[in-house]
Amino acid sequence: MRSILGVWVVACGLLVPAAQPLAQDREEATIRRGDEVYQYWCATCHGAGPGHPGTAALRAKYKGARPAVLEERTDLTPRSVRFYVRNGVSIMPFFRKTEVSDADLDAIAAYLTPR
């Protein structure tokens, strides 16, 4: 009985570390998806350089106190990203679930949130 228990404990110990890379792979895939969705829906207004109205609005609002380019921010939270995407703010429109699904919104939030 002890040898069976010992084998079971060892086998479980081998399975736990294997789960960690799977979680990391899923997180990396989510972040990659977030980048893709961000580039499609958000970068037109929030990209770097001239001609991006969202970036220009944030530059005027923060006057250098925070980065205007969302991808450079370190103070964003998943909750705030979800709020602004779903509700809009100022000149930014809101995005419906038929445009940006909840899963894609979670991916954008993961992409923009400091890791």
PDB file of N, CA and C in Angstrom:
ATOM      1  N   MET A   1       0.824  -1.196   0.000  1.00  0.00           N
ATOM      2  CA  MET A   1       0.000   0.000   0.000  1.00  0.00           C
ATOM      3  C   MET A   1       0.864   1.255   0.000  1.00  0.00           C
ATOM      4  N   ARG A   2       1.931   1.232   0.790  1.00  0.00           N
ATOM      5  CA  ARG A   2       2.793   2.408   0.847  1.00  0.00           C
ATOM      6  C   ARG A   2       3.441   2.683  -0.500  1.00  0.00           C
ATOM      7  N   SER A   3       3.826   1.640  -1.225  1.00  0.00           N
ATOM      8  CA  SER A   3       4.476   1.872  -2.518  1.00  0.00           C
ATOM      9  C   SER A   3       3.497   2.460  -3.531  1.00  0.00           C
ATOM     10  N   ILE A   4       2.237   2.047  -3.480  1.00  0.00           N
ATOM     11  CA  ILE A   4       1.234   2.613  -4.385  1.00  0.00           C
ATOM     12  C   ILE A   4       1.020   4.082  -4.053  1.00  0.00           C
ATOM     13  N   LEU A   5       0.931   4.392  -2.760  1.00  0.00           N
ATOM     14  CA  LEU A   5       0.757   5.771  -2.340  1.00  0.00           C
ATOM     15  C   LEU A   5       1.953   6.613  -2.764  1.00  0.00           C
ATOM     16  N   GLY A   6       3.156   6.060  -2.602  1.00  0.00           N
ATOM     17  CA  GLY A   6       4.369   6.767  -3.002  1.00  0.00           C
ATOM     18  C   GLY A   6       4.394   7.052  -4.492  1.00  0.00           C
ATOM     19  N   VAL A   7       3.993   6.082  -5.303  1.00  0.00           N
ATOM     20  CA  VAL A   7       3.940   6.271  -6.747  1.00  0.00           C
ATOM     21  C   VAL A   7       2.921   7.350  -7.097  1.00  0.00           C
ATOM     22  N   TRP A   8       1.775   7.326  -6.435  1.00  0.00           N
ATOM     23  CA  TRP A   8       0.726   8.316  -6.694  1.00  0.00           C
ATOM     24  C   TRP A   8       1.211   9.725  -6.361  1.00  0.00           C
ATOM     25  N   VAL A   9       1.878   9.861  -5.200  1.00  0.00           N
ATOM     26  CA  VAL A   9       2.393  11.172  -4.795  1.00  0.00           C
ATOM     27  C   VAL A   9       3.431  11.668  -5.792  1.00  0.00           C
ATOM     28  N   VAL A  10       4.326  10.803  -6.236  1.00  0.00           N
ATOM     29  CA  VAL A  10       5.344  11.188  -7.207  1.00  0.00           C
ATOM     30  C   VAL A  10       4.690  11.572  -8.533  1.00  0.00           C
ATOM     31  N   ALA A  11       3.701  10.793  -8.965  1.00  0.00           N
ATOM     32  CA  ALA A  11       3.020  11.092 -10.225  1.00  0.00           C
ATOM     33  C   ALA A  11       2.314  12.435 -10.153  1.00  0.00           C
ATOM     34  N   CYS A  12       1.663  12.719  -9.048  1.00  0.00           N
ATOM     35  CA  CYS A  12       0.996  14.018  -8.893  1.00  0.00           C
ATOM     36  C   CYS A  12       2.003  15.153  -8.900  1.00  0.00           C
ATOM     37  N   GLY A  13       3.129  14.930  -8.275  1.00  0.00           N
ATOM     38  CA  GLY A  13       4.179  15.948  -8.258  1.00  0.00           C
ATOM     39  C   GLY A  13       4.720  16.227  -9.644  1.00  0.00           C
ATOM     40  N   LEU A  14       4.722  15.228 -10.515  1.00  0.00           N
ATOM     41  CA  LEU A  14       5.187  15.427 -11.880  1.00  0.00           C
ATOM     42  C   LEU A  14       4.159  16.156 -12.731  1.00  0.00           C
ATOM     43  N   LEU A  15       2.884  15.993 -12.399  1.00  0.00           N
ATOM     44  CA  LEU A  15       1.839  16.633 -13.183  1.00  0.00           C
ATOM     45  C   LEU A  15       1.702  18.119 -12.899  1.00  0.00           C
ATOM     46  N   VAL A  16       1.939  18.525 -11.687  1.00  0.00           N
ATOM     47  CA  VAL A  16       1.760  19.927 -11.315  1.00  0.00           C
ATOM     48  C   VAL A  16       2.691  20.848 -12.101  1.00  0.00           C
ATOM     49  N   PRO A  17       3.995  20.552 -12.179  1.00  0.00           N
ATOM     50  CA  PRO A  17       4.848  21.443 -12.967  1.00  0.00           C
ATOM     51  C   PRO A  17       4.451  21.478 -14.443  1.00  0.00           C
ATOM     52  N   ALA A  18       3.920  20.395 -14.967  1.00  0.00           N
ATOM     53  CA  ALA A  18       3.513  20.383 -16.378  1.00  0.00           C
ATOM     54  C   ALA A  18       2.357  21.341 -16.624  1.00  0.00           C
ATOM     55  N   ALA A  19       1.530  21.578 -15.635  1.00  0.00           N
ATOM     56  CA  ALA A  19       0.387  22.477 -15.794  1.00  0.00           C
ATOM     57  C   ALA A  19       0.835  23.934 -15.904  1.00  0.00           C
ATOM     58  N   GLN A  20       1.937  24.284 -15.267  1.00  0.00           N
ATOM     59  CA  GLN A  20       2.402  25.672 -15.274  1.00  0.00           C
ATOM     60  C   GLN A  20       2.752  26.163 -16.680  1.00  0.00           C
ATOM     61  N   PRO A  21       3.510  25.391 -17.492  1.00  0.00           N
ATOM     62  CA  PRO A  21       3.762  25.871 -18.851  1.00  0.00           C
ATOM     63  C   PRO A  21       2.486  26.003 -19.676  1.00  0.00           C
ATOM     64  N   LEU A  22       1.511  25.128 -19.439  1.00  0.00           N
ATOM     65  CA  LEU A  22       0.245  25.248 -20.156  1.00  0.00           C
ATOM     66  C   LEU A  22      -0.437  26.566 -19.826  1.00  0.00           C
ATOM     67  N   ALA A  23      -0.431  26.938 -18.552  1.00  0.00           N
ATOM     68  CA  ALA A  23      -1.026  28.215 -18.147  1.00  0.00           C
ATOM     69  C   ALA A  23      -0.254  29.375 -18.767  1.00  0.00           C
ATOM     70  N   GLN A  24       1.063  29.290 -18.789  1.00  0.00           N
ATOM     71  CA  GLN A  24       1.875  30.345 -19.400  1.00  0.00           C
ATOM     72  C   GLN A  24       1.603  30.446 -20.891  1.00  0.00           C
ATOM     73  N   ASP A  25       1.461  29.284 -21.557  1.00  0.00           N
ATOM     74  CA  ASP A  25       1.143  29.285 -22.985  1.00  0.00           C
ATOM     75  C   ASP A  25      -0.200  29.938 -23.248  1.00  0.00           C
ATOM     76  N   ARG A  26      -1.200  29.636 -22.390  1.00  0.00           N
ATOM     77  CA  ARG A  26      -2.524  30.241 -22.553  1.00  0.00           C
ATOM     78  C   ARG A  26      -2.450  31.743 -22.343  1.00  0.00           C
ATOM     79  N   GLU A  27      -1.691  32.169 -21.326  1.00  0.00           N
ATOM     80  CA  GLU A  27      -1.559  33.608 -21.059  1.00  0.00           C
ATOM     81  C   GLU A  27      -0.870  34.306 -22.228  1.00  0.00           C
ATOM     82  N   GLU A  28       0.180  33.693 -22.758  1.00  0.00           N
ATOM     83  CA  GLU A  28       0.877  34.283 -23.906  1.00  0.00           C
ATOM     84  C   GLU A  28      -0.033  34.337 -25.127  1.00  0.00           C
ATOM     85  N   ALA A  29      -0.842  33.296 -25.332  1.00  0.00           N
ATOM     86  CA  ALA A  29      -1.783  33.285 -26.457  1.00  0.00           C
ATOM     87  C   ALA A  29      -2.836  34.377 -26.287  1.00  0.00           C
ATOM     88  N   THR A  30      -3.289  34.569 -25.046  1.00  0.00           N
ATOM     89  CA  THR A  30      -4.278  35.626 -24.773  1.00  0.00           C
ATOM     90  C   THR A  30      -3.668  36.993 -25.063  1.00  0.00           C
ATOM     91  N   ILE A  31      -2.440  37.202 -24.638  1.00  0.00           N
ATOM     92  CA  ILE A  31      -1.773  38.487 -24.878  1.00  0.00           C
ATOM     93  C   ILE A  31      -1.555  38.707 -26.369  1.00  0.00           C
ATOM     94  N   ARG A  32      -1.169  37.660 -27.094  1.00  0.00           N
ATOM     95  CA  ARG A  32      -1.013  37.793 -28.560  1.00  0.00           C
ATOM     96  C   ARG A  32      -2.352  38.145 -29.206  1.00  0.00           C
ATOM     97  N   ARG A  33      -3.416  37.482 -28.752  1.00  0.00           N
ATOM     98  CA  ARG A  33      -4.750  37.793 -29.284  1.00  0.00           C
ATOM     99  C   ARG A  33      -5.113  39.234 -28.946  1.00  0.00           C
ATOM    100  N   GLY A  34      -4.796  39.663 -27.724  1.00  0.00           N
ATOM    101  CA  GLY A  34      -5.060  41.040 -27.325  1.00  0.00           C
ATOM    102  C   GLY A  34      -4.338  42.034 -28.214  1.00  0.00           C
ATOM    103  N   ASP A  35      -3.109  41.732 -28.583  1.00  0.00           N
ATOM    104  CA  ASP A  35      -2.349  42.595 -29.489  1.00  0.00           C
ATOM    105  C   ASP A  35      -3.048  42.660 -30.845  1.00  0.00           C
ATOM    106  N   GLU A  36      -3.470  41.515 -31.366  1.00  0.00           N
ATOM    107  CA  GLU A  36      -4.155  41.489 -32.667  1.00  0.00           C
ATOM    108  C   GLU A  36      -5.439  42.320 -32.636  1.00  0.00           C
ATOM    109  N   VAL A  37      -6.246  42.116 -31.606  1.00  0.00           N
ATOM    110  CA  VAL A  37      -7.515  42.837 -31.504  1.00  0.00           C
ATOM    111  C   VAL A  37      -7.259  44.322 -31.287  1.00  0.00           C
ATOM    112  N   TYR A  38      -6.267  44.639 -30.457  1.00  0.00           N
ATOM    113  CA  TYR A  38      -5.908  46.044 -30.223  1.00  0.00           C
ATOM    114  C   TYR A  38      -5.493  46.710 -31.536  1.00  0.00           C
ATOM    115  N   GLN A  39      -4.653  46.051 -32.318  1.00  0.00           N
ATOM    116  CA  GLN A  39      -4.197  46.629 -33.582  1.00  0.00           C
ATOM    117  C   GLN A  39      -5.373  46.855 -34.523  1.00  0.00           C
ATOM    118  N   TYR A  40      -6.350  45.959 -34.503  1.00  0.00           N
ATOM    119  CA  TYR A  40      -7.503  46.075 -35.395  1.00  0.00           C
ATOM    120  C   TYR A  40      -8.466  47.177 -34.961  1.00  0.00           C
ATOM    121  N   TRP A  41      -8.833  47.191 -33.674  1.00  0.00           N
ATOM    122  CA  TRP A  41      -9.875  48.097 -33.200  1.00  0.00           C
ATOM    123  C   TRP A  41      -9.354  49.382 -32.568  1.00  0.00           C
ATOM    124  N   CYS A  42      -8.190  49.369 -31.973  1.00  0.00           N
ATOM    125  CA  CYS A  42      -7.777  50.476 -31.101  1.00  0.00           C
ATOM    126  C   CYS A  42      -6.625  51.322 -31.641  1.00  0.00           C
ATOM    127  N   ALA A  43      -5.686  50.685 -32.322  1.00  0.00           N
ATOM    128  CA  ALA A  43      -4.466  51.396 -32.715  1.00  0.00           C
ATOM    129  C   ALA A  43      -4.725  52.545 -33.676  1.00  0.00           C
ATOM    130  N   THR A  44      -5.806  52.490 -34.427  1.00  0.00           N
ATOM    131  CA  THR A  44      -6.129  53.580 -35.344  1.00  0.00           C
ATOM    132  C   THR A  44      -6.245  54.902 -34.591  1.00  0.00           C
ATOM    133  N   CYS A  45      -6.824  54.861 -33.411  1.00  0.00           N
ATOM    134  CA  CYS A  45      -6.976  56.079 -32.598  1.00  0.00           C
ATOM    135  C   CYS A  45      -5.904  56.210 -31.515  1.00  0.00           C
ATOM    136  N   HIS A  46      -5.411  55.082 -31.007  1.00  0.00           N
ATOM    137  CA  HIS A  46      -4.518  55.113 -29.853  1.00  0.00           C
ATOM    138  C   HIS A  46      -3.081  54.728 -30.175  1.00  0.00           C
ATOM    139  N   GLY A  47      -2.706  54.717 -31.448  1.00  0.00           N
ATOM    140  CA  GLY A  47      -1.345  54.363 -31.824  1.00  0.00           C
ATOM    141  C   GLY A  47      -0.364  55.496 -31.558  1.00  0.00           C
ATOM    142  N   ALA A  48       0.906  55.195 -31.767  1.00  0.00           N
ATOM    143  CA  ALA A  48       1.964  56.194 -31.588  1.00  0.00           C
ATOM    144  C   ALA A  48       2.067  57.061 -32.846  1.00  0.00           C
ATOM    145  N   GLY A  49       2.564  58.248 -32.671  1.00  0.00           N
ATOM    146  CA  GLY A  49       2.795  59.143 -33.795  1.00  0.00           C
ATOM    147  C   GLY A  49       1.608  60.044 -34.083  1.00  0.00           C
ATOM    148  N   PRO A  50       1.786  60.915 -35.070  1.00  0.00           N
ATOM    149  CA  PRO A  50       0.721  61.867 -35.412  1.00  0.00           C
ATOM    150  C   PRO A  50      -0.457  61.163 -36.085  1.00  0.00           C
ATOM    151  N   GLY A  51      -1.602  61.812 -36.033  1.00  0.00           N
ATOM    152  CA  GLY A  51      -2.769  61.296 -36.717  1.00  0.00           C
ATOM    153  C   GLY A  51      -3.598  60.289 -35.940  1.00  0.00           C
ATOM    154  N   HIS A  52      -3.380  60.218 -34.646  1.00  0.00           N
ATOM    155  CA  HIS A  52      -4.132  59.302 -33.789  1.00  0.00           C
ATOM    156  C   HIS A  52      -4.919  60.126 -32.772  1.00  0.00           C
ATOM    157  N   PRO A  53      -6.216  60.320 -33.012  1.00  0.00           N
ATOM    158  CA  PRO A  53      -6.982  61.235 -32.165  1.00  0.00           C
ATOM    159  C   PRO A  53      -7.072  60.825 -30.691  1.00  0.00           C
ATOM    160  N   GLY A  54      -7.111  59.544 -30.409  1.00  0.00           N
ATOM    161  CA  GLY A  54      -7.149  59.108 -29.011  1.00  0.00           C
ATOM    162  C   GLY A  54      -5.860  59.458 -28.285  1.00  0.00           C
ATOM    163  N   THR A  55      -4.755  59.251 -28.969  1.00  0.00           N
ATOM    164  CA  THR A  55      -3.452  59.584 -28.388  1.00  0.00           C
ATOM    165  C   THR A  55      -3.330  61.098 -28.212  1.00  0.00           C
ATOM    166  N   ALA A  56      -3.794  61.854 -29.200  1.00  0.00           N
ATOM    167  CA  ALA A  56      -3.744  63.319 -29.098  1.00  0.00           C
ATOM    168  C   ALA A  56      -4.598  63.813 -27.928  1.00  0.00           C
ATOM    169  N   ALA A  57      -5.764  63.215 -27.745  1.00  0.00           N
ATOM    170  CA  ALA A  57      -6.635  63.619 -26.636  1.00  0.00           C
ATOM    171  C   ALA A  57      -5.993  63.301 -25.289  1.00  0.00           C
ATOM    172  N   LEU A  58      -5.378  62.128 -25.189  1.00  0.00           N
ATOM    173  CA  LEU A  58      -4.715  61.772 -23.924  1.00  0.00           C
ATOM    174  C   LEU A  58      -3.470  62.621 -23.683  1.00  0.00           C
ATOM    175  N   ARG A  59      -2.776  62.985 -24.752  1.00  0.00           N
ATOM    176  CA  ARG A  59      -1.602  63.865 -24.609  1.00  0.00           C
ATOM    177  C   ARG A  59      -2.038  65.221 -24.045  1.00  0.00           C
ATOM    178  N   ALA A  60      -3.154  65.745 -24.552  1.00  0.00           N
ATOM    179  CA  ALA A  60      -3.672  67.025 -24.059  1.00  0.00           C
ATOM    180  C   ALA A  60      -4.171  66.893 -22.621  1.00  0.00           C
ATOM    181  N   LYS A  61      -4.799  65.792 -22.315  1.00  0.00           N
ATOM    182  CA  LYS A  61      -5.341  65.587 -20.969  1.00  0.00           C
ATOM    183  C   LYS A  61      -4.225  65.455 -19.931  1.00  0.00           C
ATOM    184  N   TYR A  62      -3.225  64.642 -20.216  1.00  0.00           N
ATOM    185  CA  TYR A  62      -2.192  64.341 -19.216  1.00  0.00           C
ATOM    186  C   TYR A  62      -0.994  65.279 -19.257  1.00  0.00           C
ATOM    187  N   LYS A  63      -0.833  66.029 -20.321  1.00  0.00           N
ATOM    188  CA  LYS A  63       0.254  67.016 -20.441  1.00  0.00           C
ATOM    189  C   LYS A  63       1.612  66.458 -20.006  1.00  0.00           C
ATOM    190  N   GLY A  64       1.888  65.222 -20.409  1.00  0.00           N
ATOM    191  CA  GLY A  64       3.175  64.604 -20.103  1.00  0.00           C
ATOM    192  C   GLY A  64       3.246  63.881 -18.773  1.00  0.00           C
ATOM    193  N   ALA A  65       2.231  63.997 -17.921  1.00  0.00           N
ATOM    194  CA  ALA A  65       2.255  63.323 -16.628  1.00  0.00           C
ATOM    195  C   ALA A  65       2.142  61.802 -16.776  1.00  0.00           C
ATOM    196  N   ARG A  66       1.502  61.361 -17.856  1.00  0.00           N
ATOM    197  CA  ARG A  66       1.361  59.936 -18.175  1.00  0.00           C
ATOM    198  C   ARG A  66       1.577  59.791 -19.671  1.00  0.00           C
ATOM    199  N   PRO A  67       2.036  58.619 -20.104  1.00  0.00           N
ATOM    200  CA  PRO A  67       2.163  58.417 -21.549  1.00  0.00           C
ATOM    201  C   PRO A  67       0.802  58.519 -22.238  1.00  0.00           C
ATOM    202  N   ALA A  68       0.771  59.116 -23.398  1.00  0.00           N
ATOM    203  CA  ALA A  68      -0.467  59.241 -24.160  1.00  0.00           C
ATOM    204  C   ALA A  68      -0.767  57.966 -24.942  1.00  0.00           C
ATOM    205  N   VAL A  69       0.269  57.227 -25.301  1.00  0.00           N
ATOM    206  CA  VAL A  69       0.107  55.974 -26.049  1.00  0.00           C
ATOM    207  C   VAL A  69      -0.266  54.875 -25.046  1.00  0.00           C
ATOM    208  N   LEU A  70      -1.413  54.256 -25.247  1.00  0.00           N
ATOM    209  CA  LEU A  70      -1.896  53.261 -24.287  1.00  0.00           C
ATOM    210  C   LEU A  70      -0.923  52.102 -24.095  1.00  0.00           C
ATOM    211  N   GLU A  71      -0.252  51.686 -25.148  1.00  0.00           N
ATOM    212  CA  GLU A  71       0.692  50.570 -25.046  1.00  0.00           C
ATOM    213  C   GLU A  71       1.910  50.908 -24.180  1.00  0.00           C
ATOM    214  N   GLU A  72       2.128  52.181 -23.901  1.00  0.00           N
ATOM    215  CA  GLU A  72       3.251  52.599 -23.049  1.00  0.00           C
ATOM    216  C   GLU A  72       2.844  52.801 -21.595  1.00  0.00           C
ATOM    217  N   ARG A  73       1.559  52.717 -21.325  1.00  0.00           N
ATOM    218  CA  ARG A  73       1.063  52.954 -19.965  1.00  0.00           C
ATOM    219  C   ARG A  73       1.362  51.763 -19.061  1.00  0.00           C
ATOM    220  N   THR A  74       1.622  52.038 -17.797  1.00  0.00           N
ATOM    221  CA  THR A  74       1.832  50.984 -16.800  1.00  0.00           C
ATOM    222  C   THR A  74       0.793  51.061 -15.686  1.00  0.00           C
ATOM    223  N   ASP A  75      -0.121  52.013 -15.792  1.00  0.00           N
ATOM    224  CA  ASP A  75      -1.102  52.215 -14.726  1.00  0.00           C
ATOM    225  C   ASP A  75      -2.493  51.705 -15.095  1.00  0.00           C
ATOM    226  N   LEU A  76      -2.647  51.074 -16.234  1.00  0.00           N
ATOM    227  CA  LEU A  76      -3.955  50.576 -16.636  1.00  0.00           C
ATOM    228  C   LEU A  76      -4.285  49.284 -15.891  1.00  0.00           C
ATOM    229  N   THR A  77      -5.559  49.096 -15.611  1.00  0.00           N
ATOM    230  CA  THR A  77      -6.025  47.859 -14.987  1.00  0.00           C
ATOM    231  C   THR A  77      -6.992  47.174 -15.952  1.00  0.00           C
ATOM    232  N   PRO A  78      -7.138  45.864 -15.842  1.00  0.00           N
ATOM    233  CA  PRO A  78      -8.121  45.191 -16.690  1.00  0.00           C
ATOM    234  C   PRO A  78      -9.518  45.797 -16.531  1.00  0.00           C
ATOM    235  N   ARG A  79      -9.870  46.150 -15.322  1.00  0.00           N
ATOM    236  CA  ARG A  79     -11.198  46.723 -15.058  1.00  0.00           C
ATOM    237  C   ARG A  79     -11.377  48.056 -15.790  1.00  0.00           C
ATOM    238  N   SER A  80     -10.368  48.916 -15.745  1.00  0.00           N
ATOM    239  CA  SER A  80     -10.504  50.218 -16.411  1.00  0.00           C
ATOM    240  C   SER A  80     -10.551  50.055 -17.934  1.00  0.00           C
ATOM    241  N   VAL A  81      -9.756  49.149 -18.479  1.00  0.00           N
ATOM    242  CA  VAL A  81      -9.783  48.904 -19.916  1.00  0.00           C
ATOM    243  C   VAL A  81     -11.174  48.433 -20.329  1.00  0.00           C
ATOM    244  N   ARG A  82     -11.714  47.456 -19.604  1.00  0.00           N
ATOM    245  CA  ARG A  82     -13.056  46.946 -19.920  1.00  0.00           C
ATOM    246  C   ARG A  82     -14.098  48.063 -19.835  1.00  0.00           C
ATOM    247  N   PHE A  83     -14.003  48.890 -18.801  1.00  0.00           N
ATOM    248  CA  PHE A  83     -14.974  49.970 -18.617  1.00  0.00           C
ATOM    249  C   PHE A  83     -14.972  50.919 -19.813  1.00  0.00           C
ATOM    250  N   TYR A  84     -13.790  51.412 -20.189  1.00  0.00           N
ATOM    251  CA  TYR A  84     -13.720  52.399 -21.259  1.00  0.00           C
ATOM    252  C   TYR A  84     -14.105  51.818 -22.620  1.00  0.00           C
ATOM    253  N   VAL A  85     -13.753  50.570 -22.863  1.00  0.00           N
ATOM    254  CA  VAL A  85     -14.132  49.953 -24.141  1.00  0.00           C
ATOM    255  C   VAL A  85     -15.642  49.780 -24.210  1.00  0.00           C
ATOM    256  N   ARG A  86     -16.265  49.349 -23.138  1.00  0.00           N
ATOM    257  CA  ARG A  86     -17.710  49.106 -23.156  1.00  0.00           C
ATOM    258  C   ARG A  86     -18.538  50.392 -23.049  1.00  0.00           C
ATOM    259  N   ASN A  87     -17.998  51.429 -22.390  1.00  0.00           N
ATOM    260  CA  ASN A  87     -18.767  52.642 -22.144  1.00  0.00           C
ATOM    261  C   ASN A  87     -18.326  53.851 -22.967  1.00  0.00           C
ATOM    262  N   GLY A  88     -17.114  53.821 -23.487  1.00  0.00           N
ATOM    263  CA  GLY A  88     -16.584  54.975 -24.188  1.00  0.00           C
ATOM    264  C   GLY A  88     -16.294  56.109 -23.222  1.00  0.00           C
ATOM    265  N   VAL A  89     -15.678  57.152 -23.710  1.00  0.00           N
ATOM    266  CA  VAL A  89     -15.395  58.338 -22.911  1.00  0.00           C
ATOM    267  C   VAL A  89     -15.039  59.468 -23.880  1.00  0.00           C
ATOM    268  N   SER A  90     -15.562  60.640 -23.622  1.00  0.00           N
ATOM    269  CA  SER A  90     -15.283  61.806 -24.452  1.00  0.00           C
ATOM    270  C   SER A  90     -15.542  61.473 -25.925  1.00  0.00           C
ATOM    271  N   ILE A  91     -14.535  61.598 -26.771  1.00  0.00           N
ATOM    272  CA  ILE A  91     -14.740  61.313 -28.196  1.00  0.00           C
ATOM    273  C   ILE A  91     -14.644  59.827 -28.523  1.00  0.00           C
ATOM    274  N   MET A  92     -14.218  59.013 -27.571  1.00  0.00           N
ATOM    275  CA  MET A  92     -14.096  57.571 -27.809  1.00  0.00           C
ATOM    276  C   MET A  92     -15.477  56.921 -27.753  1.00  0.00           C
ATOM    277  N   PRO A  93     -15.838  56.188 -28.799  1.00  0.00           N
ATOM    278  CA  PRO A  93     -17.139  55.508 -28.773  1.00  0.00           C
ATOM    279  C   PRO A  93     -17.076  54.258 -27.895  1.00  0.00           C
ATOM    280  N   PHE A  94     -18.226  53.758 -27.521  1.00  0.00           N
ATOM    281  CA  PHE A  94     -18.267  52.467 -26.834  1.00  0.00           C
ATOM    282  C   PHE A  94     -18.273  51.374 -27.898  1.00  0.00           C
ATOM    283  N   PHE A  95     -17.860  50.180 -27.506  1.00  0.00           N
ATOM    284  CA  PHE A  95     -17.842  49.043 -28.421  1.00  0.00           C
ATOM    285  C   PHE A  95     -18.771  47.953 -27.896  1.00  0.00           C
ATOM    286  N   ARG A  96     -19.685  47.535 -28.750  1.00  0.00           N
ATOM    287  CA  ARG A  96     -20.650  46.489 -28.400  1.00  0.00           C
ATOM    288  C   ARG A  96     -19.972  45.121 -28.390  1.00  0.00           C
ATOM    289  N   LYS A  97     -20.626  44.172 -27.716  1.00  0.00           N
ATOM    290  CA  LYS A  97     -20.115  42.805 -27.686  1.00  0.00           C
ATOM    291  C   LYS A  97     -20.106  42.176 -29.068  1.00  0.00           C
ATOM    292  N   THR A  98     -20.930  42.678 -29.971  1.00  0.00           N
ATOM    293  CA  THR A  98     -20.926  42.166 -31.346  1.00  0.00           C
ATOM    294  C   THR A  98     -19.722  42.683 -32.133  1.00  0.00           C
ATOM    295  N   GLU A  99     -19.080  43.738 -31.617  1.00  0.00           N
ATOM    296  CA  GLU A  99     -17.866  44.270 -32.245  1.00  0.00           C
ATOM    297  C   GLU A  99     -16.624  43.699 -31.566  1.00  0.00           C
ATOM    298  N   VAL A 100     -16.567  43.844 -30.251  1.00  0.00           N
ATOM    299  CA  VAL A 100     -15.465  43.316 -29.451  1.00  0.00           C
ATOM    300  C   VAL A 100     -16.091  42.366 -28.440  1.00  0.00           C
ATOM    301  N   SER A 101     -15.895  41.085 -28.644  1.00  0.00           N
ATOM    302  CA  SER A 101     -16.485  40.092 -27.748  1.00  0.00           C
ATOM    303  C   SER A 101     -15.882  40.218 -26.345  1.00  0.00           C
ATOM    304  N   ASP A 102     -16.537  39.616 -25.370  1.00  0.00           N
ATOM    305  CA  ASP A 102     -15.995  39.628 -24.011  1.00  0.00           C
ATOM    306  C   ASP A 102     -14.620  38.969 -23.969  1.00  0.00           C
ATOM    307  N   ALA A 103     -14.448  37.875 -24.708  1.00  0.00           N
ATOM    308  CA  ALA A 103     -13.148  37.188 -24.731  1.00  0.00           C
ATOM    309  C   ALA A 103     -12.074  38.085 -25.351  1.00  0.00           C
ATOM    310  N   ASP A 104     -12.425  38.772 -26.440  1.00  0.00           N
ATOM    311  CA  ASP A 104     -11.459  39.689 -27.052  1.00  0.00           C
ATOM    312  C   ASP A 104     -11.177  40.884 -26.158  1.00  0.00           C
ATOM    313  N   LEU A 105     -12.178  41.349 -25.436  1.00  0.00           N
ATOM    314  CA  LEU A 105     -11.967  42.454 -24.500  1.00  0.00           C
ATOM    315  C   LEU A 105     -11.042  42.024 -23.363  1.00  0.00           C
ATOM    316  N   ASP A 106     -11.225  40.811 -22.859  1.00  0.00           N
ATOM    317  CA  ASP A 106     -10.311  40.283 -21.840  1.00  0.00           C
ATOM    318  C   ASP A 106      -8.891  40.196 -22.389  1.00  0.00           C
ATOM    319  N   ALA A 107      -8.770  39.822 -23.667  1.00  0.00           N
ATOM    320  CA  ALA A 107      -7.448  39.734 -24.287  1.00  0.00           C
ATOM    321  C   ALA A 107      -6.804  41.118 -24.424  1.00  0.00           C
ATOM    322  N   ILE A 108      -7.591  42.115 -24.823  1.00  0.00           N
ATOM    323  CA  ILE A 108      -7.066  43.488 -24.898  1.00  0.00           C
ATOM    324  C   ILE A 108      -6.606  43.937 -23.517  1.00  0.00           C
ATOM    325  N   ALA A 109      -7.421  43.660 -22.500  1.00  0.00           N
ATOM    326  CA  ALA A 109      -7.069  44.043 -21.129  1.00  0.00           C
ATOM    327  C   ALA A 109      -5.776  43.361 -20.696  1.00  0.00           C
ATOM    328  N   ALA A 110      -5.611  42.095 -21.041  1.00  0.00           N
ATOM    329  CA  ALA A 110      -4.368  41.384 -20.699  1.00  0.00           C
ATOM    330  C   ALA A 110      -3.175  41.993 -21.436  1.00  0.00           C
ATOM    331  N   TYR A 111      -3.377  42.386 -22.685  1.00  0.00           N
ATOM    332  CA  TYR A 111      -2.305  42.974 -23.488  1.00  0.00           C
ATOM    333  C   TYR A 111      -1.856  44.331 -22.924  1.00  0.00           C
ATOM    334  N   LEU A 112      -2.818  45.146 -22.481  1.00  0.00           N
ATOM    335  CA  LEU A 112      -2.486  46.497 -22.007  1.00  0.00           C
ATOM    336  C   LEU A 112      -2.119  46.578 -20.537  1.00  0.00           C
ATOM    337  N   THR A 113      -2.324  45.505 -19.805  1.00  0.00           N
ATOM    338  CA  THR A 113      -2.071  45.517 -18.362  1.00  0.00           C
ATOM    339  C   THR A 113      -0.635  45.084 -18.087  1.00  0.00           C
ATOM    340  N   PRO A 114       0.050  45.801 -17.236  1.00  0.00           N
ATOM    341  CA  PRO A 114       1.436  45.422 -16.904  1.00  0.00           C
ATOM    342  C   PRO A 114       1.518  43.988 -16.403  1.00  0.00           C
ATOM    343  N   ARG A 115       2.558  43.308 -16.835  1.00  0.00           N
ATOM    344  CA  ARG A 115       2.728  41.917 -16.427  1.00  0.00           C
ATOM    345  C   ARG A 115       3.788  41.791 -15.389  1.00  0.00           C
TER     346      ARG A 115
END
